[in-house]
Each structure stands twice: as structure tokens, then as C-alpha cells.
Amino acid sequence: MATTLTVTAKGQITLHKEALNHLGVRPGDELDIDLLPGGRLQLSPKPGTSAASIFGVLARPGAPHRSIQELNQISASSWADEE
């Protein structure tokens, strides 16, 4: 698949969704760029940078699920106890 990109006045390019899907990246992910001989570039997803990869890291099996309201109350009461 070959595609043409346009460089903006700020020196930026936008990768098409097809290219991002091919790389397996999503918004918030980072890419590594390797400069190759002959004026070529190689893009690859930076390992472990997916924003989605952090979701659920604090989950504990058997722990109760809390609503936003409950978390806000717990947070507010923690601040109040510090005074």
C-alpha cells in the first residue's frame, strides 16, 4: 500500500487511519522513528505505551466496585481527616 502525505508549514504530517491501524496504534500511543539510509524512515509502535494498557491495573479480584460518587466521598473524607 503506497500513499502520499503532505508536509504542513509546521513540518508535520498526518498518518491515515489505515496506516495507524496497520501499526496497531491508538490515540495516545507513541511511535518510534528510525532514520534509515537513503532518506528513509521506519515507524514502529513504542512498546508498552498504550493508554489502554493501564486500564484495570489497580483492580483487585473480589474487591468491591465503587461508583464515582463513592470514590468522591472517600476522597473528600480523606482530605478532611488530614486537617
PDB file of N, CA and C in Angstrom:
ATOM      1  N   MET A   1       0.845  -1.178   0.000  1.00  0.00           N
ATOM      2  CA  MET A   1       0.000   0.000   0.000  1.00  0.00           C
ATOM      3  C   MET A   1       0.888   1.237   0.000  1.00  0.00           C
ATOM      4  N   ALA A   2       0.767   2.037  -0.994  1.00  0.00           N
ATOM      5  CA  ALA A   2       1.505   3.294  -1.057  1.00  0.00           C
ATOM      6  C   ALA A   2       0.504   4.437  -0.943  1.00  0.00           C
ATOM      7  N   THR A   3       0.895   5.446  -0.205  1.00  0.00           N
ATOM      8  CA  THR A   3       0.044   6.620  -0.050  1.00  0.00           C
ATOM      9  C   THR A   3       0.926   7.849  -0.020  1.00  0.00           C
ATOM     10  N   THR A   4       0.376   8.995  -0.333  1.00  0.00           N
ATOM     11  CA  THR A   4       1.118  10.240  -0.337  1.00  0.00           C
ATOM     12  C   THR A   4       0.655  11.101   0.817  1.00  0.00           C
ATOM     13  N   LEU A   5       1.608  11.641   1.576  1.00  0.00           N
ATOM     14  CA  LEU A   5       1.317  12.539   2.682  1.00  0.00           C
ATOM     15  C   LEU A   5       1.828  13.926   2.330  1.00  0.00           C
ATOM     16  N   THR A   6       1.196  14.941   2.867  1.00  0.00           N
ATOM     17  CA  THR A   6       1.606  16.315   2.630  1.00  0.00           C
ATOM     18  C   THR A   6       2.207  16.879   3.907  1.00  0.00           C
ATOM     19  N   VAL A   7       3.345  17.550   3.776  1.00  0.00           N
ATOM     20  CA  VAL A   7       4.002  18.185   4.917  1.00  0.00           C
ATOM     21  C   VAL A   7       3.404  19.579   5.079  1.00  0.00           C
ATOM     22  N   THR A   8       2.956  19.908   6.307  1.00  0.00           N
ATOM     23  CA  THR A   8       2.376  21.225   6.567  1.00  0.00           C
ATOM     24  C   THR A   8       3.472  22.271   6.725  1.00  0.00           C
ATOM     25  N   ALA A   9       3.078  23.517   6.832  1.00  0.00           N
ATOM     26  CA  ALA A   9       4.031  24.608   7.035  1.00  0.00           C
ATOM     27  C   ALA A   9       4.787  24.447   8.357  1.00  0.00           C
ATOM     28  N   LYS A  10       4.194  23.738   9.306  1.00  0.00           N
ATOM     29  CA  LYS A  10       4.854  23.488  10.592  1.00  0.00           C
ATOM     30  C   LYS A  10       5.750  22.257  10.548  1.00  0.00           C
ATOM     31  N   GLY A  11       5.864  21.615   9.389  1.00  0.00           N
ATOM     32  CA  GLY A  11       6.700  20.433   9.262  1.00  0.00           C
ATOM     33  C   GLY A  11       6.044  19.170   9.778  1.00  0.00           C
ATOM     34  N   GLN A  12       4.730  19.138   9.816  1.00  0.00           N
ATOM     35  CA  GLN A  12       4.002  17.991  10.343  1.00  0.00           C
ATOM     36  C   GLN A  12       3.339  17.210   9.215  1.00  0.00           C
ATOM     37  N   ILE A  13       3.110  15.924   9.494  1.00  0.00           N
ATOM     38  CA  ILE A  13       2.336  15.081   8.585  1.00  0.00           C
ATOM     39  C   ILE A  13       1.251  14.395   9.390  1.00  0.00           C
ATOM     40  N   THR A  14       0.224  13.957   8.716  1.00  0.00           N
ATOM     41  CA  THR A  14      -0.841  13.197   9.364  1.00  0.00           C
ATOM     42  C   THR A  14      -0.879  11.824   8.726  1.00  0.00           C
ATOM     43  N   LEU A  15      -0.805  10.790   9.570  1.00  0.00           N
ATOM     44  CA  LEU A  15      -0.905   9.423   9.060  1.00  0.00           C
ATOM     45  C   LEU A  15      -2.373   9.056   8.924  1.00  0.00           C
ATOM     46  N   HIS A  16      -2.690   8.418   7.824  1.00  0.00           N
ATOM     47  CA  HIS A  16      -4.062   7.993   7.579  1.00  0.00           C
ATOM     48  C   HIS A  16      -4.437   6.861   8.531  1.00  0.00           C
ATOM     49  N   LYS A  17      -5.725   6.748   8.793  1.00  0.00           N
ATOM     50  CA  LYS A  17      -6.234   5.743   9.722  1.00  0.00           C
ATOM     51  C   LYS A  17      -5.786   4.333   9.340  1.00  0.00           C
ATOM     52  N   GLU A  18      -5.733   4.049   8.040  1.00  0.00           N
ATOM     53  CA  GLU A  18      -5.286   2.727   7.582  1.00  0.00           C
ATOM     54  C   GLU A  18      -3.870   2.434   8.071  1.00  0.00           C
ATOM     55  N   ALA A  19      -2.989   3.428   7.998  1.00  0.00           N
ATOM     56  CA  ALA A  19      -1.606   3.250   8.434  1.00  0.00           C
ATOM     57  C   ALA A  19      -1.544   3.048   9.943  1.00  0.00           C
ATOM     58  N   LEU A  20      -2.333   3.809  10.694  1.00  0.00           N
ATOM     59  CA  LEU A  20      -2.349   3.665  12.150  1.00  0.00           C
ATOM     60  C   LEU A  20      -2.894   2.300  12.554  1.00  0.00           C
ATOM     61  N   ASN A  21      -3.930   1.849  11.871  1.00  0.00           N
ATOM     62  CA  ASN A  21      -4.474   0.512  12.139  1.00  0.00           C
ATOM     63  C   ASN A  21      -3.433  -0.563  11.833  1.00  0.00           C
ATOM     64  N   HIS A  22      -2.702  -0.372  10.737  1.00  0.00           N
ATOM     65  CA  HIS A  22      -1.663  -1.336  10.353  1.00  0.00           C
ATOM     66  C   HIS A  22      -0.588  -1.431  11.433  1.00  0.00           C
ATOM     67  N   LEU A  23      -0.250  -0.295  12.046  1.00  0.00           N
ATOM     68  CA  LEU A  23       0.747  -0.277  13.122  1.00  0.00           C
ATOM     69  C   LEU A  23       0.170  -0.763  14.442  1.00  0.00           C
ATOM     70  N   GLY A  24      -1.164  -0.789  14.536  1.00  0.00           N
ATOM     71  CA  GLY A  24      -1.807  -1.218  15.783  1.00  0.00           C
ATOM     72  C   GLY A  24      -1.750  -0.167  16.865  1.00  0.00           C
ATOM     73  N   VAL A  25      -1.739   1.104  16.463  1.00  0.00           N
ATOM     74  CA  VAL A  25      -1.675   2.182  17.451  1.00  0.00           C
ATOM     75  C   VAL A  25      -3.016   2.884  17.550  1.00  0.00           C
ATOM     76  N   ARG A  26      -3.211   3.520  18.713  1.00  0.00           N
ATOM     77  CA  ARG A  26      -4.444   4.237  19.009  1.00  0.00           C
ATOM     78  C   ARG A  26      -4.082   5.618  19.532  1.00  0.00           C
ATOM     79  N   PRO A  27      -5.059   6.502  19.669  1.00  0.00           N
ATOM     80  CA  PRO A  27      -4.775   7.820  20.228  1.00  0.00           C
ATOM     81  C   PRO A  27      -4.069   7.702  21.581  1.00  0.00           C
ATOM     82  N   GLY A  28      -3.025   8.483  21.758  1.00  0.00           N
ATOM     83  CA  GLY A  28      -2.257   8.462  22.997  1.00  0.00           C
ATOM     84  C   GLY A  28      -1.033   7.564  22.941  1.00  0.00           C
ATOM     85  N   ASP A  29      -0.965   6.662  21.960  1.00  0.00           N
ATOM     86  CA  ASP A  29       0.208   5.812  21.815  1.00  0.00           C
ATOM     87  C   ASP A  29       1.367   6.623  21.247  1.00  0.00           C
ATOM     88  N   GLU A  30       2.562   6.122  21.433  1.00  0.00           N
ATOM     89  CA  GLU A  30       3.756   6.771  20.903  1.00  0.00           C
ATOM     90  C   GLU A  30       4.376   5.893  19.832  1.00  0.00           C
ATOM     91  N   LEU A  31       5.069   6.545  18.896  1.00  0.00           N
ATOM     92  CA  LEU A  31       5.757   5.835  17.824  1.00  0.00           C
ATOM     93  C   LEU A  31       7.242   6.126  17.900  1.00  0.00           C
ATOM     94  N   ASP A  32       8.055   5.125  17.609  1.00  0.00           N
ATOM     95  CA  ASP A  32       9.490   5.312  17.445  1.00  0.00           C
ATOM     96  C   ASP A  32       9.756   5.526  15.960  1.00  0.00           C
ATOM     97  N   ILE A  33      10.670   6.443  15.654  1.00  0.00           N
ATOM     98  CA  ILE A  33      11.062   6.698  14.270  1.00  0.00           C
ATOM     99  C   ILE A  33      12.552   6.411  14.151  1.00  0.00           C
ATOM    100  N   ASP A  34      12.903   5.509  13.260  1.00  0.00           N
ATOM    101  CA  ASP A  34      14.301   5.217  12.975  1.00  0.00           C
ATOM    102  C   ASP A  34      14.658   5.855  11.640  1.00  0.00           C
ATOM    103  N   LEU A  35      15.772   6.589  11.622  1.00  0.00           N
ATOM    104  CA  LEU A  35      16.259   7.198  10.390  1.00  0.00           C
ATOM    105  C   LEU A  35      17.141   6.179   9.680  1.00  0.00           C
ATOM    106  N   LEU A  36      16.761   5.828   8.467  1.00  0.00           N
ATOM    107  CA  LEU A  36      17.470   4.820   7.687  1.00  0.00           C
ATOM    108  C   LEU A  36      18.249   5.477   6.555  1.00  0.00           C
ATOM    109  N   PRO A  37      19.228   4.777   6.015  1.00  0.00           N
ATOM    110  CA  PRO A  37      19.975   5.328   4.883  1.00  0.00           C
ATOM    111  C   PRO A  37      19.055   5.638   3.704  1.00  0.00           C
ATOM    112  N   GLY A  38      19.481   6.560   2.880  1.00  0.00           N
ATOM    113  CA  GLY A  38      18.731   6.900   1.674  1.00  0.00           C
ATOM    114  C   GLY A  38      17.521   7.772   1.939  1.00  0.00           C
ATOM    115  N   GLY A  39      17.488   8.464   3.065  1.00  0.00           N
ATOM    116  CA  GLY A  39      16.370   9.354   3.362  1.00  0.00           C
ATOM    117  C   GLY A  39      15.084   8.633   3.703  1.00  0.00           C
ATOM    118  N   ARG A  40      15.199   7.415   4.212  1.00  0.00           N
ATOM    119  CA  ARG A  40      14.015   6.633   4.557  1.00  0.00           C
ATOM    120  C   ARG A  40      13.795   6.653   6.064  1.00  0.00           C
ATOM    121  N   LEU A  41      12.544   6.452   6.453  1.00  0.00           N
ATOM    122  CA  LEU A  41      12.157   6.384   7.859  1.00  0.00           C
ATOM    123  C   LEU A  41      11.486   5.045   8.121  1.00  0.00           C
ATOM    124  N   GLN A  42      11.594   4.595   9.353  1.00  0.00           N
ATOM    125  CA  GLN A  42      10.848   3.403   9.766  1.00  0.00           C
ATOM    126  C   GLN A  42      10.081   3.759  11.029  1.00  0.00           C
ATOM    127  N   LEU A  43       8.770   3.586  10.995  1.00  0.00           N
ATOM    128  CA  LEU A  43       7.903   3.839  12.142  1.00  0.00           C
ATOM    129  C   LEU A  43       7.550   2.527  12.803  1.00  0.00           C
ATOM    130  N   SER A  44       7.557   2.514  14.124  1.00  0.00           N
ATOM    131  CA  SER A  44       7.095   1.334  14.852  1.00  0.00           C
ATOM    132  C   SER A  44       6.498   1.792  16.175  1.00  0.00           C
ATOM    133  N   PRO A  45       5.483   1.086  16.656  1.00  0.00           N
ATOM    134  CA  PRO A  45       4.877   1.466  17.931  1.00  0.00           C
ATOM    135  C   PRO A  45       5.880   1.300  19.059  1.00  0.00           C
ATOM    136  N   LYS A  46       5.919   2.274  19.957  1.00  0.00           N
ATOM    137  CA  LYS A  46       6.797   2.180  21.117  1.00  0.00           C
ATOM    138  C   LYS A  46       6.184   1.168  22.080  1.00  0.00           C
ATOM    139  N   PRO A  47       6.953   0.175  22.490  1.00  0.00           N
ATOM    140  CA  PRO A  47       6.396  -0.870  23.351  1.00  0.00           C
ATOM    141  C   PRO A  47       5.884  -0.324  24.684  1.00  0.00           C
ATOM    142  N   GLY A  48       4.734  -0.829  25.097  1.00  0.00           N
ATOM    143  CA  GLY A  48       4.202  -0.513  26.422  1.00  0.00           C
ATOM    144  C   GLY A  48       3.698   0.890  26.625  1.00  0.00           C
ATOM    145  N   THR A  49       3.359   1.605  25.548  1.00  0.00           N
ATOM    146  CA  THR A  49       2.920   2.983  25.720  1.00  0.00           C
ATOM    147  C   THR A  49       1.425   3.165  25.513  1.00  0.00           C
ATOM    148  N   SER A  50       0.713   2.106  25.262  1.00  0.00           N
ATOM    149  CA  SER A  50      -0.708   2.230  25.007  1.00  0.00           C
ATOM    150  C   SER A  50      -1.440   2.742  26.244  1.00  0.00           C
ATOM    151  N   ALA A  51      -2.222   3.784  26.055  1.00  0.00           N
ATOM    152  CA  ALA A  51      -3.012   4.304  27.164  1.00  0.00           C
ATOM    153  C   ALA A  51      -3.973   3.240  27.669  1.00  0.00           C
ATOM    154  N   ALA A  52      -4.469   2.414  26.774  1.00  0.00           N
ATOM    155  CA  ALA A  52      -5.400   1.361  27.171  1.00  0.00           C
ATOM    156  C   ALA A  52      -4.726   0.310  28.042  1.00  0.00           C
ATOM    157  N   SER A  53      -3.406   0.222  27.972  1.00  0.00           N
ATOM    158  CA  SER A  53      -2.715  -0.828  28.723  1.00  0.00           C
ATOM    159  C   SER A  53      -2.753  -0.591  30.232  1.00  0.00           C
ATOM    160  N   ILE A  54      -3.069   0.625  30.680  1.00  0.00           N
ATOM    161  CA  ILE A  54      -3.091   0.884  32.120  1.00  0.00           C
ATOM    162  C   ILE A  54      -4.456   0.663  32.748  1.00  0.00           C
ATOM    163  N   PHE A  55      -5.504   0.545  31.936  1.00  0.00           N
ATOM    164  CA  PHE A  55      -6.835   0.367  32.491  1.00  0.00           C
ATOM    165  C   PHE A  55      -6.923  -0.948  33.245  1.00  0.00           C
ATOM    166  N   GLY A  56      -7.415  -0.894  34.450  1.00  0.00           N
ATOM    167  CA  GLY A  56      -7.606  -2.091  35.245  1.00  0.00           C
ATOM    168  C   GLY A  56      -6.398  -2.535  36.040  1.00  0.00           C
ATOM    169  N   VAL A  57      -5.294  -1.767  36.008  1.00  0.00           N
ATOM    170  CA  VAL A  57      -4.097  -2.219  36.722  1.00  0.00           C
ATOM    171  C   VAL A  57      -4.292  -2.216  38.231  1.00  0.00           C
ATOM    172  N   LEU A  58      -5.228  -1.433  38.730  1.00  0.00           N
ATOM    173  CA  LEU A  58      -5.462  -1.376  40.168  1.00  0.00           C
ATOM    174  C   LEU A  58      -6.588  -2.312  40.616  1.00  0.00           C
ATOM    175  N   ALA A  59      -7.177  -3.013  39.679  1.00  0.00           N
ATOM    176  CA  ALA A  59      -8.275  -3.926  40.021  1.00  0.00           C
ATOM    177  C   ALA A  59      -7.761  -5.059  40.893  1.00  0.00           C
ATOM    178  N   ARG A  60      -8.535  -5.392  41.900  1.00  0.00           N
ATOM    179  CA  ARG A  60      -8.204  -6.494  42.798  1.00  0.00           C
ATOM    180  C   ARG A  60      -9.347  -7.505  42.758  1.00  0.00           C
ATOM    181  N   PRO A  61      -9.050  -8.766  42.511  1.00  0.00           N
ATOM    182  CA  PRO A  61     -10.116  -9.766  42.491  1.00  0.00           C
ATOM    183  C   PRO A  61     -10.865  -9.781  43.825  1.00  0.00           C
ATOM    184  N   GLY A  62     -12.179  -9.749  43.769  1.00  0.00           N
ATOM    185  CA  GLY A  62     -13.004  -9.792  44.970  1.00  0.00           C
ATOM    186  C   GLY A  62     -13.204  -8.438  45.637  1.00  0.00           C
ATOM    187  N   ALA A  63     -12.500  -7.397  45.181  1.00  0.00           N
ATOM    188  CA  ALA A  63     -12.666  -6.065  45.767  1.00  0.00           C
ATOM    189  C   ALA A  63     -13.999  -5.477  45.299  1.00  0.00           C
ATOM    190  N   PRO A  64     -14.671  -4.709  46.176  1.00  0.00           N
ATOM    191  CA  PRO A  64     -15.955  -4.134  45.769  1.00  0.00           C
ATOM    192  C   PRO A  64     -15.757  -3.065  44.696  1.00  0.00           C
ATOM    193  N   HIS A  65     -16.708  -2.988  43.784  1.00  0.00           N
ATOM    194  CA  HIS A  65     -16.686  -1.938  42.767  1.00  0.00           C
ATOM    195  C   HIS A  65     -17.293  -0.685  43.378  1.00  0.00           C
ATOM    196  N   ARG A  66     -16.669   0.437  43.154  1.00  0.00           N
ATOM    197  CA  ARG A  66     -17.146   1.707  43.718  1.00  0.00           C
ATOM    198  C   ARG A  66     -17.614   2.636  42.607  1.00  0.00           C
ATOM    199  N   SER A  67     -18.670   3.382  42.888  1.00  0.00           N
ATOM    200  CA  SER A  67     -19.161   4.370  41.929  1.00  0.00           C
ATOM    201  C   SER A  67     -18.306   5.632  42.060  1.00  0.00           C
ATOM    202  N   ILE A  68     -18.432   6.509  41.099  1.00  0.00           N
ATOM    203  CA  ILE A  68     -17.719   7.787  41.148  1.00  0.00           C
ATOM    204  C   ILE A  68     -18.112   8.563  42.400  1.00  0.00           C
ATOM    205  N   GLN A  69     -19.392   8.534  42.740  1.00  0.00           N
ATOM    206  CA  GLN A  69     -19.868   9.238  43.922  1.00  0.00           C
ATOM    207  C   GLN A  69     -19.201   8.680  45.191  1.00  0.00           C
ATOM    208  N   GLU A  70     -19.118   7.367  45.285  1.00  0.00           N
ATOM    209  CA  GLU A  70     -18.472   6.752  46.452  1.00  0.00           C
ATOM    210  C   GLU A  70     -16.996   7.124  46.517  1.00  0.00           C
ATOM    211  N   LEU A  71     -16.324   7.104  45.377  1.00  0.00           N
ATOM    212  CA  LEU A  71     -14.903   7.475  45.348  1.00  0.00           C
ATOM    213  C   LEU A  71     -14.716   8.938  45.745  1.00  0.00           C
ATOM    214  N   ASN A  72     -15.612   9.809  45.289  1.00  0.00           N
ATOM    215  CA  ASN A  72     -15.538  11.226  45.672  1.00  0.00           C
ATOM    216  C   ASN A  72     -15.731  11.406  47.170  1.00  0.00           C
ATOM    217  N   GLN A  73     -16.680  10.658  47.751  1.00  0.00           N
ATOM    218  CA  GLN A  73     -16.914  10.752  49.200  1.00  0.00           C
ATOM    219  C   GLN A  73     -15.700  10.254  49.981  1.00  0.00           C
ATOM    220  N   ILE A  74     -15.111   9.155  49.539  1.00  0.00           N
ATOM    221  CA  ILE A  74     -13.920   8.614  50.208  1.00  0.00           C
ATOM    222  C   ILE A  74     -12.775   9.613  50.122  1.00  0.00           C
ATOM    223  N   SER A  75     -12.592  10.189  48.950  1.00  0.00           N
ATOM    224  CA  SER A  75     -11.537  11.175  48.755  1.00  0.00           C
ATOM    225  C   SER A  75     -11.750  12.410  49.625  1.00  0.00           C
ATOM    226  N   ALA A  76     -12.986  12.907  49.661  1.00  0.00           N
ATOM    227  CA  ALA A  76     -13.290  14.100  50.461  1.00  0.00           C
ATOM    228  C   ALA A  76     -13.072  13.830  51.950  1.00  0.00           C
ATOM    229  N   SER A  77     -13.477  12.646  52.415  1.00  0.00           N
ATOM    230  CA  SER A  77     -13.313  12.351  53.828  1.00  0.00           C
ATOM    231  C   SER A  77     -11.826  12.157  54.177  1.00  0.00           C
ATOM    232  N   SER A  78     -11.047  11.665  53.235  1.00  0.00           N
ATOM    233  CA  SER A  78      -9.607  11.529  53.479  1.00  0.00           C
ATOM    234  C   SER A  78      -8.953  12.884  53.633  1.00  0.00           C
ATOM    235  N   TRP A  79      -9.337  13.836  52.813  1.00  0.00           N
ATOM    236  CA  TRP A  79      -8.786  15.194  52.917  1.00  0.00           C
ATOM    237  C   TRP A  79      -9.209  15.825  54.233  1.00  0.00           C
ATOM    238  N   ALA A  80     -10.463  15.597  54.624  1.00  0.00           N
ATOM    239  CA  ALA A  80     -10.978  16.202  55.852  1.00  0.00           C
ATOM    240  C   ALA A  80     -10.240  15.653  57.065  1.00  0.00           C
ATOM    241  N   ASP A  81      -9.832  14.401  57.052  1.00  0.00           N
ATOM    242  CA  ASP A  81      -9.132  13.784  58.184  1.00  0.00           C
ATOM    243  C   ASP A  81      -7.717  14.311  58.358  1.00  0.00           C
ATOM    244  N   GLU A  82      -7.144  14.922  57.311  1.00  0.00           N
ATOM    245  CA  GLU A  82      -5.753  15.383  57.379  1.00  0.00           C
ATOM    246  C   GLU A  82      -5.605  16.703  58.119  1.00  0.00           C
ATOM    247  N   GLU A  83      -6.655  17.432  58.320  1.00  0.00           N
ATOM    248  CA  GLU A  83      -6.531  18.752  58.947  1.00  0.00           C
ATOM    249  C   GLU A  83      -6.290  18.669  60.422  1.00  0.00           C
TER     250      GLU A  83
END
